[in-house]
C-alpha atoms as a PDB file:
ATOM      1  CA  UNK A   1     126.137 112.033 105.183  1.00  0.00           C
ATOM      2  CA  UNK A   2     124.182 109.077 103.788  1.00  0.00           C
ATOM      3  CA  UNK A   3     120.588 109.551 104.882  1.00  0.00           C
ATOM      4  CA  UNK A   4     120.374 106.003 106.278  1.00  0.00           C
ATOM      5  CA  UNK A   5     123.048 106.972 108.835  1.00  0.00           C
ATOM      6  CA  UNK A   6     120.634 109.377 110.544  1.00  0.00           C
ATOM      7  CA  UNK A   7     119.242 107.880 113.733  1.00  0.00           C
ATOM      8  CA  UNK A   8     116.358 108.920 115.946  1.00  0.00           C
ATOM      9  CA  UNK A   9     115.046 107.577 119.229  1.00  0.00           C
ATOM     10  CA  UNK A  10     111.743 105.762 118.726  1.00  0.00           C
ATOM     11  CA  UNK A  11     110.803 105.784 122.408  1.00  0.00           C
ATOM     12  CA  UNK A  12     109.824 108.400 124.957  1.00  0.00           C
ATOM     13  CA  UNK A  13     112.023 108.833 128.047  1.00  0.00           C
ATOM     14  CA  UNK A  14     109.633 106.517 129.894  1.00  0.00           C
ATOM     15  CA  UNK A  15     110.120 103.766 127.300  1.00  0.00           C
ATOM     16  CA  UNK A  16     106.843 104.102 125.407  1.00  0.00           C
ATOM     17  CA  UNK A  17     106.606 104.121 121.636  1.00  0.00           C
ATOM     18  CA  UNK A  18     106.670 107.628 120.147  1.00  0.00           C
ATOM     19  CA  UNK A  19     107.851 107.020 116.568  1.00  0.00           C
ATOM     20  CA  UNK A  20     107.820 103.813 114.519  1.00  0.00           C
ATOM     21  CA  UNK A  21     110.770 104.075 112.140  1.00  0.00           C
ATOM     22  CA  UNK A  22     111.995 100.460 112.052  1.00  0.00           C
ATOM     23  CA  UNK A  23     111.619  97.230 114.005  1.00  0.00           C
ATOM     24  CA  UNK A  24     115.343  96.826 114.593  1.00  0.00           C
ATOM     25  CA  UNK A  25     116.157  97.098 118.284  1.00  0.00           C
ATOM     26  CA  UNK A  26     112.566  97.434 119.486  1.00  0.00           C
ATOM     27  CA  UNK A  27     111.751  95.769 122.783  1.00  0.00           C
ATOM     28  CA  UNK A  28     110.039  92.399 122.369  1.00  0.00           C
ATOM     29  CA  UNK A  29     107.268  93.508 124.731  1.00  0.00           C
ATOM     30  CA  UNK A  30     106.409  96.521 122.570  1.00  0.00           C
ATOM     31  CA  UNK A  31     106.109  94.370 119.453  1.00  0.00           C
ATOM     32  CA  UNK A  32     104.000  91.722 121.173  1.00  0.00           C
ATOM     33  CA  UNK A  33     101.722  94.374 122.679  1.00  0.00           C
ATOM     34  CA  UNK A  34     101.137  95.860 119.208  1.00  0.00           C
ATOM     35  CA  UNK A  35     100.398  92.404 117.801  1.00  0.00           C
ATOM     36  CA  UNK A  36      97.863  91.706 120.559  1.00  0.00           C
ATOM     37  CA  UNK A  37      96.213  95.062 120.023  1.00  0.00           C
ATOM     38  CA  UNK A  38      96.098  94.480 116.279  1.00  0.00           C
ATOM     39  CA  UNK A  39      94.471  91.091 116.770  1.00  0.00           C
ATOM     40  CA  UNK A  40      91.762  92.759 118.831  1.00  0.00           C
ATOM     41  CA  UNK A  41      90.896  94.924 115.806  1.00  0.00           C
ATOM     42  CA  UNK A  42      90.638  92.037 113.346  1.00  0.00           C
ATOM     43  CA  UNK A  43      87.072  91.355 112.227  1.00  0.00           C
ATOM     44  CA  UNK A  44      85.602  88.940 109.658  1.00  0.00           C
ATOM     45  CA  UNK A  45      84.892  90.781 106.422  1.00  0.00           C
ATOM     46  CA  UNK A  46      81.139  90.227 106.790  1.00  0.00           C
ATOM     47  CA  UNK A  47      81.077  92.042 110.137  1.00  0.00           C
ATOM     48  CA  UNK A  48      81.149  95.761 110.954  1.00  0.00           C
ATOM     49  CA  UNK A  49      84.805  96.939 111.120  1.00  0.00           C
ATOM     50  CA  UNK A  50      86.350  97.645 114.512  1.00  0.00           C
ATOM     51  CA  UNK A  51      86.404 101.267 115.627  1.00  0.00           C
ATOM     52  CA  UNK A  52      88.071 103.268 118.385  1.00  0.00           C
ATOM     53  CA  UNK A  53      87.820 106.941 119.367  1.00  0.00           C
ATOM     54  CA  UNK A  54      91.303 107.281 120.855  1.00  0.00           C
ATOM     55  CA  UNK A  55      92.380 109.767 118.144  1.00  0.00           C
ATOM     56  CA  UNK A  56      89.286 111.954 118.327  1.00  0.00           C
ATOM     57  CA  UNK A  57      90.310 115.593 117.852  1.00  0.00           C
ATOM     58  CA  UNK A  58      93.742 114.684 116.459  1.00  0.00           C
ATOM     59  CA  UNK A  59      94.937 115.086 112.874  1.00  0.00           C
ATOM     60  CA  UNK A  60      96.875 112.481 110.912  1.00  0.00           C
ATOM     61  CA  UNK A  61      98.714 113.503 107.732  1.00  0.00           C
ATOM     62  CA  UNK A  62      99.540 110.791 105.216  1.00  0.00           C
ATOM     63  CA  UNK A  63     102.519 112.074 103.221  1.00  0.00           C
ATOM     64  CA  UNK A  64     103.180 109.628 100.402  1.00  0.00           C
ATOM     65  CA  UNK A  65     106.034 110.797  98.210  1.00  0.00           C
ATOM     66  CA  UNK A  66     106.159 107.369  96.577  1.00  0.00           C
ATOM     67  CA  UNK A  67     103.387 105.332  94.966  1.00  0.00           C
ATOM     68  CA  UNK A  68     101.277 103.107  97.211  1.00  0.00           C
ATOM     69  CA  UNK A  69      97.886 101.442  97.228  1.00  0.00           C
ATOM     70  CA  UNK A  70      97.571  99.029 100.180  1.00  0.00           C
ATOM     71  CA  UNK A  71      99.669 100.963 102.696  1.00  0.00           C
ATOM     72  CA  UNK A  72      98.137 104.341 101.944  1.00  0.00           C
ATOM     73  CA  UNK A  73      94.545 103.089 101.881  1.00  0.00           C
ATOM     74  CA  UNK A  74      94.949 101.135 105.095  1.00  0.00           C
ATOM     75  CA  UNK A  75      96.583 104.020 106.981  1.00  0.00           C
ATOM     76  CA  UNK A  76      93.784 106.330 105.842  1.00  0.00           C
ATOM     77  CA  UNK A  77      91.066 103.881 106.880  1.00  0.00           C
ATOM     78  CA  UNK A  78      92.868 103.118 110.133  1.00  0.00           C
ATOM     79  CA  UNK A  79      93.072 106.784 111.129  1.00  0.00           C
ATOM     80  CA  UNK A  80      89.407 107.379 110.264  1.00  0.00           C
ATOM     81  CA  UNK A  81      88.333 104.330 112.246  1.00  0.00           C
ATOM     82  CA  UNK A  82      90.285 105.760 115.193  1.00  0.00           C
ATOM     83  CA  UNK A  83      88.161 108.946 114.842  1.00  0.00           C
ATOM     84  CA  UNK A  84      91.022 111.153 113.609  1.00  0.00           C
ATOM     85  CA  UNK A  85      90.857 113.946 111.052  1.00  0.00           C
ATOM     86  CA  UNK A  86      92.868 112.780 108.033  1.00  0.00           C
ATOM     87  CA  UNK A  87      94.883 114.747 105.481  1.00  0.00           C
ATOM     88  CA  UNK A  88      96.295 112.935 102.434  1.00  0.00           C
ATOM     89  CA  UNK A  89      99.161 114.446 100.481  1.00  0.00           C
ATOM     90  CA  UNK A  90     101.199 113.045  97.608  1.00  0.00           C
ATOM     91  CA  UNK A  91     104.093 114.448  95.621  1.00  0.00           C
ATOM     92  CA  UNK A  92     101.901 115.406  92.651  1.00  0.00           C
ATOM     93  CA  UNK A  93      99.885 117.829  94.782  1.00  0.00           C
ATOM     94  CA  UNK A  94     102.555 119.060  97.183  1.00  0.00           C
ATOM     95  CA  UNK A  95     104.891 122.047  97.181  1.00  0.00           C
ATOM     96  CA  UNK A  96     107.810 119.632  97.364  1.00  0.00           C
ATOM     97  CA  UNK A  97     107.411 119.272  93.598  1.00  0.00           C
ATOM     98  CA  UNK A  98     108.008 123.029  93.389  1.00  0.00           C
ATOM     99  CA  UNK A  99     111.265 122.733  95.333  1.00  0.00           C
ATOM    100  CA  UNK A 100     110.073 122.973  98.925  1.00  0.00           C
ATOM    101  CA  UNK A 101     112.094 120.780 101.283  1.00  0.00           C
ATOM    102  CA  UNK A 102     110.362 117.915 103.034  1.00  0.00           C
ATOM    103  CA  UNK A 103     111.156 119.527 106.398  1.00  0.00           C
ATOM    104  CA  UNK A 104     109.471 122.783 105.386  1.00  0.00           C
ATOM    105  CA  UNK A 105     106.418 120.771 104.350  1.00  0.00           C
ATOM    106  CA  UNK A 106     106.414 119.126 107.773  1.00  0.00           C
ATOM    107  CA  UNK A 107     106.837 122.443 109.576  1.00  0.00           C
ATOM    108  CA  UNK A 108     103.926 123.928 107.621  1.00  0.00           C
ATOM    109  CA  UNK A 109     101.585 121.074 108.524  1.00  0.00           C
ATOM    110  CA  UNK A 110     102.854 121.000 112.107  1.00  0.00           C
ATOM    111  CA  UNK A 111     101.869 124.665 112.360  1.00  0.00           C
ATOM    112  CA  UNK A 112      98.356 123.685 111.203  1.00  0.00           C
ATOM    113  CA  UNK A 113      97.961 121.293 114.119  1.00  0.00           C
ATOM    114  CA  UNK A 114      98.917 117.991 112.514  1.00  0.00           C
ATOM    115  CA  UNK A 115     100.197 115.722 115.280  1.00  0.00           C
ATOM    116  CA  UNK A 116     100.850 112.408 113.521  1.00  0.00           C
ATOM    117  CA  UNK A 117     102.756 112.087 110.248  1.00  0.00           C
ATOM    118  CA  UNK A 118     102.732 108.927 108.161  1.00  0.00           C
ATOM    119  CA  UNK A 119     105.705 109.153 105.777  1.00  0.00           C
ATOM    120  CA  UNK A 120     106.534 107.140 102.659  1.00  0.00           C
ATOM    121  CA  UNK A 121     109.602 108.187 100.714  1.00  0.00           C
ATOM    122  CA  UNK A 122     111.950 106.740  98.107  1.00  0.00           C
ATOM    123  CA  UNK A 123     114.997 108.190  99.895  1.00  0.00           C
ATOM    124  CA  UNK A 124     116.628 106.446 102.828  1.00  0.00           C
ATOM    125  CA  UNK A 125     116.708 108.269 106.155  1.00  0.00           C
ATOM    126  CA  UNK A 126     113.817 110.686 105.601  1.00  0.00           C
ATOM    127  CA  UNK A 127     111.548 109.412 108.443  1.00  0.00           C
ATOM    128  CA  UNK A 128     114.437 109.484 110.934  1.00  0.00           C
ATOM    129  CA  UNK A 129     115.507 112.952 109.791  1.00  0.00           C
ATOM    130  CA  UNK A 130     111.981 114.265 110.296  1.00  0.00           C
ATOM    131  CA  UNK A 131     111.740 112.594 113.704  1.00  0.00           C
ATOM    132  CA  UNK A 132     114.831 114.494 114.891  1.00  0.00           C
ATOM    133  CA  UNK A 133     113.403 117.872 113.845  1.00  0.00           C
ATOM    134  CA  UNK A 134     109.754 117.898 114.950  1.00  0.00           C
ATOM    135  CA  UNK A 135     108.262 119.165 118.199  1.00  0.00           C
ATOM    136  CA  UNK A 136     108.169 116.760 121.174  1.00  0.00           C
ATOM    137  CA  UNK A 137     104.443 116.034 120.845  1.00  0.00           C
ATOM    138  CA  UNK A 138     104.705 114.937 117.188  1.00  0.00           C
ATOM    139  CA  UNK A 139     104.696 111.282 116.093  1.00  0.00           C
ATOM    140  CA  UNK A 140     106.350 109.949 112.924  1.00  0.00           C
ATOM    141  CA  UNK A 141     105.328 106.614 111.392  1.00  0.00           C
ATOM    142  CA  UNK A 142     107.368 105.043 108.609  1.00  0.00           C
ATOM    143  CA  UNK A 143     105.097 103.780 105.808  1.00  0.00           C
ATOM    144  CA  UNK A 144     107.948 102.607 103.589  1.00  0.00           C
ATOM    145  CA  UNK A 145     111.468 103.948 103.259  1.00  0.00           C
ATOM    146  CA  UNK A 146     113.555 103.280 100.154  1.00  0.00           C
ATOM    147  CA  UNK A 147     114.917  99.721 100.400  1.00  0.00           C
ATOM    148  CA  UNK A 148     115.641 100.195 104.097  1.00  0.00           C
ATOM    149  CA  UNK A 149     112.542  99.691 106.206  1.00  0.00           C
ATOM    150  CA  UNK A 150     108.808  99.010 106.153  1.00  0.00           C
ATOM    151  CA  UNK A 151     107.958  98.290 109.801  1.00  0.00           C
ATOM    152  CA  UNK A 152     104.169  98.145 109.500  1.00  0.00           C
ATOM    153  CA  UNK A 153     104.474  95.575 106.699  1.00  0.00           C
ATOM    154  CA  UNK A 154     106.832  93.577 108.882  1.00  0.00           C
ATOM    155  CA  UNK A 155     104.330  93.610 111.730  1.00  0.00           C
ATOM    156  CA  UNK A 156     101.383  92.587 109.591  1.00  0.00           C
ATOM    157  CA  UNK A 157     103.401  89.739 108.109  1.00  0.00           C
ATOM    158  CA  UNK A 158     104.387  88.561 111.583  1.00  0.00           C
ATOM    159  CA  UNK A 159     100.775  88.780 112.756  1.00  0.00           C
ATOM    160  CA  UNK A 160      99.688  86.690 109.756  1.00  0.00           C
ATOM    161  CA  UNK A 161     102.312  84.043 110.495  1.00  0.00           C
ATOM    162  CA  UNK A 162     101.284  83.835 114.133  1.00  0.00           C
ATOM    163  CA  UNK A 163      97.599  83.513 113.257  1.00  0.00           C
ATOM    164  CA  UNK A 164      98.247  80.548 110.997  1.00  0.00           C
ATOM    165  CA  UNK A 165     101.137  78.864 112.798  1.00  0.00           C
ATOM    166  CA  UNK A 166     100.270  79.643 116.403  1.00  0.00           C
ATOM    167  CA  UNK A 167     103.859  80.594 117.203  1.00  0.00           C
ATOM    168  CA  UNK A 168     106.784  82.732 116.064  1.00  0.00           C
ATOM    169  CA  UNK A 169     109.702  80.396 116.697  1.00  0.00           C
ATOM    170  CA  UNK A 170     111.037  77.095 115.360  1.00  0.00           C
ATOM    171  CA  UNK A 171     109.650  77.890 111.917  1.00  0.00           C
ATOM    172  CA  UNK A 172     111.273  77.592 108.518  1.00  0.00           C
ATOM    173  CA  UNK A 173     110.577  80.793 106.602  1.00  0.00           C
ATOM    174  CA  UNK A 174     111.642  81.139 102.974  1.00  0.00           C
ATOM    175  CA  UNK A 175     111.692  84.549 101.289  1.00  0.00           C
ATOM    176  CA  UNK A 176     112.137  84.515  97.510  1.00  0.00           C
ATOM    177  CA  UNK A 177     112.843  87.368  95.135  1.00  0.00           C
ATOM    178  CA  UNK A 178     114.661  90.676  94.901  1.00  0.00           C
ATOM    179  CA  UNK A 179     116.048  90.648  98.438  1.00  0.00           C
ATOM    180  CA  UNK A 180     118.666  93.307  97.663  1.00  0.00           C
ATOM    181  CA  UNK A 181     116.021  96.003  97.186  1.00  0.00           C
ATOM    182  CA  UNK A 182     113.376  94.709  99.608  1.00  0.00           C
ATOM    183  CA  UNK A 183     112.455  96.800 102.621  1.00  0.00           C
ATOM    184  CA  UNK A 184     109.800  94.158 103.297  1.00  0.00           C
ATOM    185  CA  UNK A 185     112.400  91.431 103.744  1.00  0.00           C
ATOM    186  CA  UNK A 186     114.490  93.735 105.958  1.00  0.00           C
ATOM    187  CA  UNK A 187     111.659  94.544 108.348  1.00  0.00           C
ATOM    188  CA  UNK A 188     110.258  91.014 108.455  1.00  0.00           C
ATOM    189  CA  UNK A 189     113.615  89.476 109.320  1.00  0.00           C
ATOM    190  CA  UNK A 190     114.351  92.194 111.887  1.00  0.00           C
ATOM    191  CA  UNK A 191     111.051  91.553 113.651  1.00  0.00           C
ATOM    192  CA  UNK A 192     111.351  87.773 113.545  1.00  0.00           C
ATOM    193  CA  UNK A 193     114.868  87.954 115.012  1.00  0.00           C
ATOM    194  CA  UNK A 194     113.466  89.716 118.075  1.00  0.00           C
ATOM    195  CA  UNK A 195     110.564  87.316 118.583  1.00  0.00           C
ATOM    196  CA  UNK A 196     111.985  83.848 118.072  1.00  0.00           C
ATOM    197  CA  UNK A 197     114.627  81.456 116.786  1.00  0.00           C
ATOM    198  CA  UNK A 198     113.730  80.534 113.204  1.00  0.00           C
ATOM    199  CA  UNK A 199     115.382  79.101 110.117  1.00  0.00           C
ATOM    200  CA  UNK A 200     115.150  82.009 107.661  1.00  0.00           C
ATOM    201  CA  UNK A 201     116.179  81.271 104.089  1.00  0.00           C
ATOM    202  CA  UNK A 202     116.663  84.113 101.604  1.00  0.00           C
ATOM    203  CA  UNK A 203     116.545  83.194  97.917  1.00  0.00           C
ATOM    204  CA  UNK A 204     117.645  85.722  95.308  1.00  0.00           C
ATOM    205  CA  UNK A 205     118.716  85.544  91.665  1.00  0.00           C
ATOM    206  CA  UNK A 206     122.350  86.432  90.924  1.00  0.00           C
ATOM    207  CA  UNK A 207     122.837  90.169  91.226  1.00  0.00           C
ATOM    208  CA  UNK A 208     119.866  90.623  93.557  1.00  0.00           C
ATOM    209  CA  UNK A 209     121.391  89.037  96.660  1.00  0.00           C
ATOM    210  CA  UNK A 210     121.365  91.094  99.868  1.00  0.00           C
ATOM    211  CA  UNK A 211     124.325  92.305 101.868  1.00  0.00           C
ATOM    212  CA  UNK A 212     124.833  89.474 104.408  1.00  0.00           C
ATOM    213  CA  UNK A 213     125.658  92.046 107.101  1.00  0.00           C
ATOM    214  CA  UNK A 214     122.068  93.300 106.907  1.00  0.00           C
ATOM    215  CA  UNK A 215     120.641  89.821 107.439  1.00  0.00           C
ATOM    216  CA  UNK A 216     122.513  88.199 110.329  1.00  0.00           C
ATOM    217  CA  UNK A 217     121.428  84.686 111.235  1.00  0.00           C
ATOM    218  CA  UNK A 218     119.844  83.965 107.846  1.00  0.00           C
ATOM    219  CA  UNK A 219     120.863  81.647 105.020  1.00  0.00           C
ATOM    220  CA  UNK A 220     121.323  83.284 101.614  1.00  0.00           C
ATOM    221  CA  UNK A 221     121.127  81.104  98.509  1.00  0.00           C
ATOM    222  CA  UNK A 222     120.057  81.014  94.866  1.00  0.00           C
ATOM    223  CA  UNK A 223     118.754  77.419  95.118  1.00  0.00           C
ATOM    224  CA  UNK A 224     115.020  78.021  95.258  1.00  0.00           C
ATOM    225  CA  UNK A 225     113.983  74.359  95.308  1.00  0.00           C
ATOM    226  CA  UNK A 226     116.230  73.488  98.254  1.00  0.00           C
ATOM    227  CA  UNK A 227     115.095  76.598 100.150  1.00  0.00           C
ATOM    228  CA  UNK A 228     111.410  75.680  99.770  1.00  0.00           C
ATOM    229  CA  UNK A 229     111.995  72.147 101.067  1.00  0.00           C
ATOM    230  CA  UNK A 230     110.083  71.682 104.389  1.00  0.00           C
ATOM    231  CA  UNK A 231     109.238  75.404 104.588  1.00  0.00           C
ATOM    232  CA  UNK A 232     106.426  76.476 106.937  1.00  0.00           C
ATOM    233  CA  UNK A 233     106.084  79.933 105.405  1.00  0.00           C
ATOM    234  CA  UNK A 234     106.946  81.110 101.889  1.00  0.00           C
ATOM    235  CA  UNK A 235     107.073  84.823 101.088  1.00  0.00           C
ATOM    236  CA  UNK A 236     107.401  85.832  97.439  1.00  0.00           C
ATOM    237  CA  UNK A 237     108.637  89.265  96.384  1.00  0.00           C
ATOM    238  CA  UNK A 238     108.526  91.081  93.066  1.00  0.00           C
ATOM    239  CA  UNK A 239     111.589  92.321  91.203  1.00  0.00           C
ATOM    240  CA  UNK A 240     111.749  96.053  91.984  1.00  0.00           C
ATOM    241  CA  UNK A 241     112.733  97.264  88.548  1.00  0.00           C
ATOM    242  CA  UNK A 242     112.219 100.887  89.579  1.00  0.00           C
ATOM    243  CA  UNK A 243     115.216 100.568  91.944  1.00  0.00           C
ATOM    244  CA  UNK A 244     117.499  98.743  89.500  1.00  0.00           C
ATOM    245  CA  UNK A 245     119.631 101.006  87.299  1.00  0.00           C
ATOM    246  CA  UNK A 246     120.942  98.356  84.889  1.00  0.00           C
ATOM    247  CA  UNK A 247     118.030  96.239  83.673  1.00  0.00           C
ATOM    248  CA  UNK A 248     119.632  94.565  80.671  1.00  0.00           C
ATOM    249  CA  UNK A 249     120.655  91.528  82.714  1.00  0.00           C
ATOM    250  CA  UNK A 250     117.212  90.835  84.146  1.00  0.00           C
ATOM    251  CA  UNK A 251     115.325  87.697  83.159  1.00  0.00           C
ATOM    252  CA  UNK A 252     112.148  87.875  81.136  1.00  0.00           C
ATOM    253  CA  UNK A 253     108.939  87.219  83.051  1.00  0.00           C
ATOM    254  CA  UNK A 254     108.739  83.685  81.657  1.00  0.00           C
ATOM    255  CA  UNK A 255     112.376  82.960  82.536  1.00  0.00           C
ATOM    256  CA  UNK A 256     111.901  84.249  86.055  1.00  0.00           C
ATOM    257  CA  UNK A 257     108.790  82.150  86.690  1.00  0.00           C
ATOM    258  CA  UNK A 258     110.629  79.049  85.501  1.00  0.00           C
ATOM    259  CA  UNK A 259     113.771  79.730  87.539  1.00  0.00           C
ATOM    260  CA  UNK A 260     112.453  81.374  90.727  1.00  0.00           C
ATOM    261  CA  UNK A 261     108.676  81.656  90.602  1.00  0.00           C
ATOM    262  CA  UNK A 262     106.520  79.913  93.183  1.00  0.00           C
ATOM    263  CA  UNK A 263     104.597  77.401  91.106  1.00  0.00           C
ATOM    264  CA  UNK A 264     102.169  74.750  92.284  1.00  0.00           C
ATOM    265  CA  UNK A 265     104.834  72.134  91.562  1.00  0.00           C
ATOM    266  CA  UNK A 266     107.463  73.934  93.634  1.00  0.00           C
ATOM    267  CA  UNK A 267     105.016  74.427  96.490  1.00  0.00           C
ATOM    268  CA  UNK A 268     104.780  70.642  96.859  1.00  0.00           C
ATOM    269  CA  UNK A 269     108.291  70.718  98.346  1.00  0.00           C
ATOM    270  CA  UNK A 270     107.087  72.728 101.332  1.00  0.00           C
ATOM    271  CA  UNK A 271     105.245  71.319 104.315  1.00  0.00           C
ATOM    272  CA  UNK A 272     101.638  70.383 103.527  1.00  0.00           C
ATOM    273  CA  UNK A 273     100.364  73.124 105.825  1.00  0.00           C
ATOM    274  CA  UNK A 274     102.782  75.791 104.577  1.00  0.00           C
ATOM    275  CA  UNK A 275     101.313  79.235 104.000  1.00  0.00           C
ATOM    276  CA  UNK A 276     102.071  81.467 101.007  1.00  0.00           C
ATOM    277  CA  UNK A 277     102.483  85.224 101.436  1.00  0.00           C
ATOM    278  CA  UNK A 278     103.102  88.239  99.190  1.00  0.00           C
ATOM    279  CA  UNK A 279     103.275  91.905 100.285  1.00  0.00           C
ATOM    280  CA  UNK A 280     102.006  93.264  96.958  1.00  0.00           C
ATOM    281  CA  UNK A 281     101.917  94.604  94.391  1.00  0.00           C
ATOM    282  CA  UNK A 282     101.856  91.129  92.900  1.00  0.00           C
ATOM    283  CA  UNK A 283     102.914  90.133  89.399  1.00  0.00           C
ATOM    284  CA  UNK A 284     100.966  86.979  88.659  1.00  0.00           C
ATOM    285  CA  UNK A 285     102.776  84.286  86.739  1.00  0.00           C
ATOM    286  CA  UNK A 286     106.101  86.008  87.331  1.00  0.00           C
ATOM    287  CA  UNK A 287     107.128  85.624  90.990  1.00  0.00           C
ATOM    288  CA  UNK A 288     104.035  83.590  91.830  1.00  0.00           C
ATOM    289  CA  UNK A 289     101.759  81.397  89.750  1.00  0.00           C
ATOM    290  CA  UNK A 290      98.184  82.647  89.683  1.00  0.00           C
ATOM    291  CA  UNK A 291      96.831  79.304  90.875  1.00  0.00           C
ATOM    292  CA  UNK A 292      99.098  79.497  93.939  1.00  0.00           C
ATOM    293  CA  UNK A 293      98.164  83.112  94.713  1.00  0.00           C
ATOM    294  CA  UNK A 294      94.499  82.081  94.723  1.00  0.00           C
ATOM    295  CA  UNK A 295      95.048  78.621  96.187  1.00  0.00           C
ATOM    296  CA  UNK A 296      94.120  77.185  99.600  1.00  0.00           C
ATOM    297  CA  UNK A 297      97.572  77.838 101.082  1.00  0.00           C
ATOM    298  CA  UNK A 298      97.579  81.516 100.138  1.00  0.00           C
ATOM    299  CA  UNK A 299      97.014  84.022 102.964  1.00  0.00           C
ATOM    300  CA  UNK A 300      97.639  87.093 100.809  1.00  0.00           C
ATOM    301  CA  UNK A 301      94.147  88.512 101.357  1.00  0.00           C
ATOM    302  CA  UNK A 302      94.510  87.982 105.108  1.00  0.00           C
ATOM    303  CA  UNK A 303      97.725  90.011 104.997  1.00  0.00           C
ATOM    304  CA  UNK A 304      95.742  92.946 103.624  1.00  0.00           C
ATOM    305  CA  UNK A 305      93.112  92.593 106.340  1.00  0.00           C
ATOM    306  CA  UNK A 306      95.831  92.422 108.971  1.00  0.00           C
ATOM    307  CA  UNK A 307      97.517  95.502 107.532  1.00  0.00           C
ATOM    308  CA  UNK A 308      94.575  97.652 108.503  1.00  0.00           C
ATOM    309  CA  UNK A 309      94.416  96.132 111.999  1.00  0.00           C
ATOM    310  CA  UNK A 310      98.159  96.617 112.550  1.00  0.00           C
ATOM    311  CA  UNK A 311      98.036 100.259 111.507  1.00  0.00           C
ATOM    312  CA  UNK A 312      95.099 100.855 113.848  1.00  0.00           C
ATOM    313  CA  UNK A 313      97.110  99.213 116.636  1.00  0.00           C
ATOM    314  CA  UNK A 314     100.130 101.431 116.012  1.00  0.00           C
ATOM    315  CA  UNK A 315      98.004 104.572 116.055  1.00  0.00           C
ATOM    316  CA  UNK A 316      96.355 103.414 119.281  1.00  0.00           C
ATOM    317  CA  UNK A 317      99.748 102.631 120.816  1.00  0.00           C
ATOM    318  CA  UNK A 318     101.167 106.116 120.258  1.00  0.00           C
ATOM    319  CA  UNK A 319      97.867 107.759 121.259  1.00  0.00           C
ATOM    320  CA  UNK A 320      97.813 105.969 124.616  1.00  0.00           C
ATOM    321  CA  UNK A 321     101.475 106.201 125.547  1.00  0.00           C
END
């Protein structure tokens, strides 16, 4: 069985959030409630960060079997600011490297009293598989799953859009880059589809186009200039070379910037108040010109700030279900 085919119920019998594995199919009310809670945790960077004691006495394990900086750091800070005990584990210091199965790792930590697992894995279906095997009181949060799902990134991107646009419908949103391998694009489009009616344009170089069946209601093209025209939101994505087996056909960095990169000149095609986003890690002067990444329309730093608030909100949501 392909791991992505494994399904698990994200809700409790009473309809409250237990696991966050993907945004697909979530009730609109649940998403909006998490966004409102996240907004309540947002603080200016020169103020004391928001804190909450709703996880006091609980233990959160961050199991990152794939490299991460922003997601891992923000989940760790979020759990600590919710007063939880935090355990961080990566593949280089885990028994999984010695051949232990991921489920046996989970069972071991479950037996030590860990109640919330934050999972990042390069294989599709791992978070859902774990969610079907743990005890009823355990929560599983997906921190990035292959090219399939990254729900917390989707939520923080949606929160950022709402902060700057004041709404989540009737927007033109252009996503540019390696859509075929992007869990970020998957989760963002899934969440937006639940919350509003938008014109979503997906731009990918030949060979990196997504499966249209995974992106219903979107427009898929390789015409970057036309897709940026009148855009309200532009999201740039890196080429995920680590997921591409045959790299000989890829453009050089200079060729990519010229053909698909978001330059200051290209940005002029968008609406004057368009915002520029990037989930990171960012390759300057490849998918996005450095002057654009640091320019007045960039909200990339705000995305990072919102990532911490969103992860606090998710932890609070499952703690108070």
